[in-house]
Structure formats: structure tokens, C-alpha cells
Protein backbone atom coordinates (compact mmCIF):
# COMPACT_ATOMS: atom_id res chain seq x y z
CA MET A 1 110.80 104.42 113.55
CA LEU A 2 108.49 107.34 112.96
CA LYS A 3 106.63 108.77 115.92
CA ALA A 4 103.52 110.88 116.42
CA GLY A 5 104.03 114.33 114.95
CA ASP A 6 106.54 113.24 112.29
CA ALA A 7 105.72 113.82 108.63
CA ALA A 8 104.72 110.61 106.87
CA PRO A 9 107.15 109.89 104.04
CA ASP A 10 105.55 110.39 100.63
CA PHE A 11 105.80 107.40 98.35
CA ILE A 12 104.49 105.87 95.16
CA LEU A 13 104.04 102.08 95.04
CA PRO A 14 102.19 99.70 92.75
CA SER A 15 98.81 98.58 94.07
CA GLU A 16 97.27 95.14 93.75
CA ASP A 17 95.77 96.16 90.39
CA GLY A 18 99.20 97.25 89.10
CA ALA A 19 98.36 100.96 89.10
CA PRO A 20 100.72 103.34 90.90
CA PHE A 21 99.43 104.66 94.20
CA ALA A 22 100.77 107.83 95.83
CA LEU A 23 100.24 108.56 99.51
CA ALA A 24 100.06 112.26 98.57
CA SER A 25 96.87 111.50 96.60
CA LEU A 26 95.08 111.11 99.95
CA ARG A 27 96.31 114.35 101.50
CA GLY A 28 93.35 115.95 103.26
CA ARG A 29 92.12 112.54 104.42
CA ARG A 30 93.24 110.35 107.27
CA VAL A 31 95.08 107.23 106.17
CA PHE A 32 95.69 104.02 108.07
CA VAL A 33 98.98 102.60 106.74
CA TRP A 34 99.13 98.91 107.63
CA PHE A 35 102.44 97.06 107.16
CA PHE A 36 101.97 93.31 107.08
CA PRO A 37 104.66 90.61 106.88
CA GLU A 38 103.36 88.33 104.12
CA ALA A 39 100.23 87.96 102.00
CA ASP A 40 97.88 85.12 102.84
CA THR A 41 99.61 83.94 106.00
CA ALA A 42 97.45 83.18 109.02
CA GLY A 43 98.15 86.34 111.04
CA CYS A 44 98.03 88.69 108.06
CA SER A 45 94.78 87.15 106.84
CA LEU A 46 93.22 87.48 110.29
CA GLU A 47 94.33 91.09 110.62
CA GLY A 48 93.24 91.97 107.08
CA ARG A 49 89.80 90.43 107.57
CA GLY A 50 89.43 92.44 110.78
CA LEU A 51 90.13 95.63 108.85
CA ARG A 52 87.73 94.53 106.11
CA ASP A 53 85.00 93.66 108.61
CA HIS A 54 85.33 97.05 110.33
CA ARG A 55 85.66 98.95 107.06
CA GLU A 56 82.33 100.78 107.44
CA TYR A 57 83.59 102.38 110.66
CA PHE A 58 86.83 103.45 109.01
CA ASP A 59 84.73 104.90 106.17
CA GLN A 60 82.51 106.76 108.67
CA GLY A 61 85.66 108.26 110.17
CA ALA A 62 86.89 109.18 106.66
CA ILE A 63 89.94 106.94 107.13
CA GLU A 64 91.42 105.19 104.10
CA ILE A 65 93.09 101.82 104.68
CA VAL A 66 96.30 101.05 102.78
CA GLY A 67 98.22 97.82 103.32
CA ILE A 68 101.92 97.46 102.44
CA SER A 69 104.07 94.35 102.19
CA PHE A 70 107.15 93.11 100.35
CA ASP A 71 104.94 90.79 98.29
CA THR A 72 104.62 91.07 94.52
CA VAL A 73 101.67 92.77 92.89
CA ALA A 74 100.35 89.35 91.83
CA ASP A 75 100.58 87.94 95.38
CA ASN A 76 98.81 90.98 96.85
CA ALA A 77 96.14 90.80 94.13
CA ALA A 78 95.43 87.16 94.97
CA PHE A 79 95.37 87.98 98.70
CA ALA A 80 92.95 90.88 98.18
CA ARG A 81 90.65 88.80 95.95
CA LYS A 82 90.65 85.79 98.26
CA HIS A 83 89.55 87.87 101.25
CA ASN A 84 87.54 90.51 99.38
CA PHE A 85 89.40 93.32 101.16
CA GLY A 86 88.25 96.30 99.11
CA PHE A 87 91.21 98.44 100.16
CA LYS A 88 94.60 99.00 98.53
CA LEU A 89 97.43 96.54 99.04
CA LEU A 90 100.76 97.95 97.92
CA SER A 91 103.95 96.16 96.91
CA ASP A 92 107.14 97.54 98.45
CA THR A 93 109.50 95.07 96.78
CA THR A 94 112.51 97.39 97.21
CA HIS A 95 111.74 97.75 100.95
CA GLU A 96 112.43 101.50 100.74
CA VAL A 97 109.02 102.62 102.02
CA ALA A 98 109.13 100.19 104.95
CA LEU A 99 112.61 101.45 105.80
CA ALA A 100 111.45 105.09 105.63
CA PHE A 101 108.57 104.36 108.02
CA GLY A 102 110.70 102.18 110.30
CA ALA A 103 108.77 99.02 109.48
CA CYS A 104 112.07 97.24 108.82
CA ASP A 105 115.67 97.96 109.76
CA SER A 106 117.40 96.99 106.52
CA LEU A 107 116.84 96.89 102.79
CA LYS A 108 117.71 93.20 103.13
CA ALA A 109 114.90 92.46 105.60
CA ARG A 110 112.87 89.42 104.64
CA TYR A 111 109.56 90.85 105.92
CA PRO A 112 108.32 94.18 107.23
CA ASP A 113 107.37 94.34 110.89
CA ARG A 114 103.70 94.14 111.79
CA ILE A 115 103.26 97.84 112.47
CA SER A 116 100.71 100.48 111.51
CA PHE A 117 100.49 104.25 111.33
CA LEU A 118 97.51 106.58 111.44
CA VAL A 119 98.35 109.52 109.19
CA GLY A 120 96.39 112.74 109.71
CA ILE A 121 94.88 115.03 107.10
CA ASP A 122 98.01 117.18 107.29
CA GLY A 123 100.26 114.23 106.36
CA ARG A 124 101.69 113.88 109.87
CA ILE A 125 101.68 110.70 111.93
CA GLU A 126 98.89 110.83 114.51
CA ARG A 127 99.53 107.47 116.09
CA VAL A 128 101.93 104.53 115.80
CA TYR A 129 100.83 100.95 116.48
CA ASP A 130 104.00 98.95 117.08
CA LYS A 131 102.50 96.36 119.44
CA VAL A 132 99.92 94.78 117.17
CA ASP A 133 97.69 91.80 117.90
CA PRO A 134 96.22 90.69 114.55
CA ARG A 135 93.08 89.44 116.31
CA ASP A 136 91.86 92.88 117.40
CA HIS A 137 94.01 95.48 115.70
CA ALA A 138 91.16 97.08 113.73
CA ALA A 139 89.02 97.43 116.85
CA GLN A 140 91.96 98.91 118.80
CA VAL A 141 92.47 101.59 116.13
CA LEU A 142 88.77 102.44 116.02
CA VAL A 143 88.59 102.79 119.81
CA ASP A 144 91.51 105.23 119.67
CA VAL A 145 89.91 107.21 116.85
CA LEU A 146 86.52 107.39 118.56
CA GLU A 147 88.08 108.50 121.87
CA ALA A 148 90.01 111.34 120.22
């Protein structure tokens, strides 16, 4: 698993609208990379809505939110529409990005781990969230960002 100070792996994945998304396109901005196990499950929906509901604070901190799962583009599109997320949901169907970040331990993993990374403007990991409670994850991240 990546740790604070490591370079975030660059990647290009399809977003929920089918367009390719490159992490490098956000260089110079902070990025919250949120790995979630499966679209539209109870925990992932709760966590995603928390991020959505706190979005204005992430925006104020100039932090982009990017979710990644093994779901298809269509499944992520439906998930994003249902909950009106307003942030990118990416499809890592090959599991390669999750493996590079340490969000899974095998290309054969069924789901990525519930883990998140705050990537700094320089493309390096600022913070790793590997003990995530979907009920208050967004608030936990914002507290850390505001204290820094």
C-alpha cells in the first residue's frame, strides 16, 4: 500500500460518462481518491452521499473528489445519477489502478478495499485513510485538511 510521501501512480480510466479521465489532468490541485467496493451498496451509498453532502467544503479547499471501483461505466453512471454525486466515478475493471495504489492485493480481487488517498498538488500522497467508516469518512478527511 502507498504511504504518505509516495508518488501517486498516474492512470487513465473511463469515467461514469465514458470519457477517459487522467489523474495527471489534476496536477496542481489536491485530489481525494476514494476507492469503494461496489456501486449502490449500502456502505458505498452512505459514504458517497457523505462526500456529496460535504462537497462545498472540499471545493473550498480546492480538493477534487474522484471515486474508483471495479464496476462498469454503466453501473457507476447509474450510481452517480441515483445519488446526484457530481464528482467523477471511475471504472477500474482491470484492477490495475487499485493494485498500484494498494487498494487490492491481486488482479483477481472481487472488490477493492474501502480505502482513500489525499493526493497533494505535487502528485504525492499526503494522507492515507485505510480505516474508513462510511458514516463519517468525509467529515474525518475535512477535519484533517482543516487542521493542517
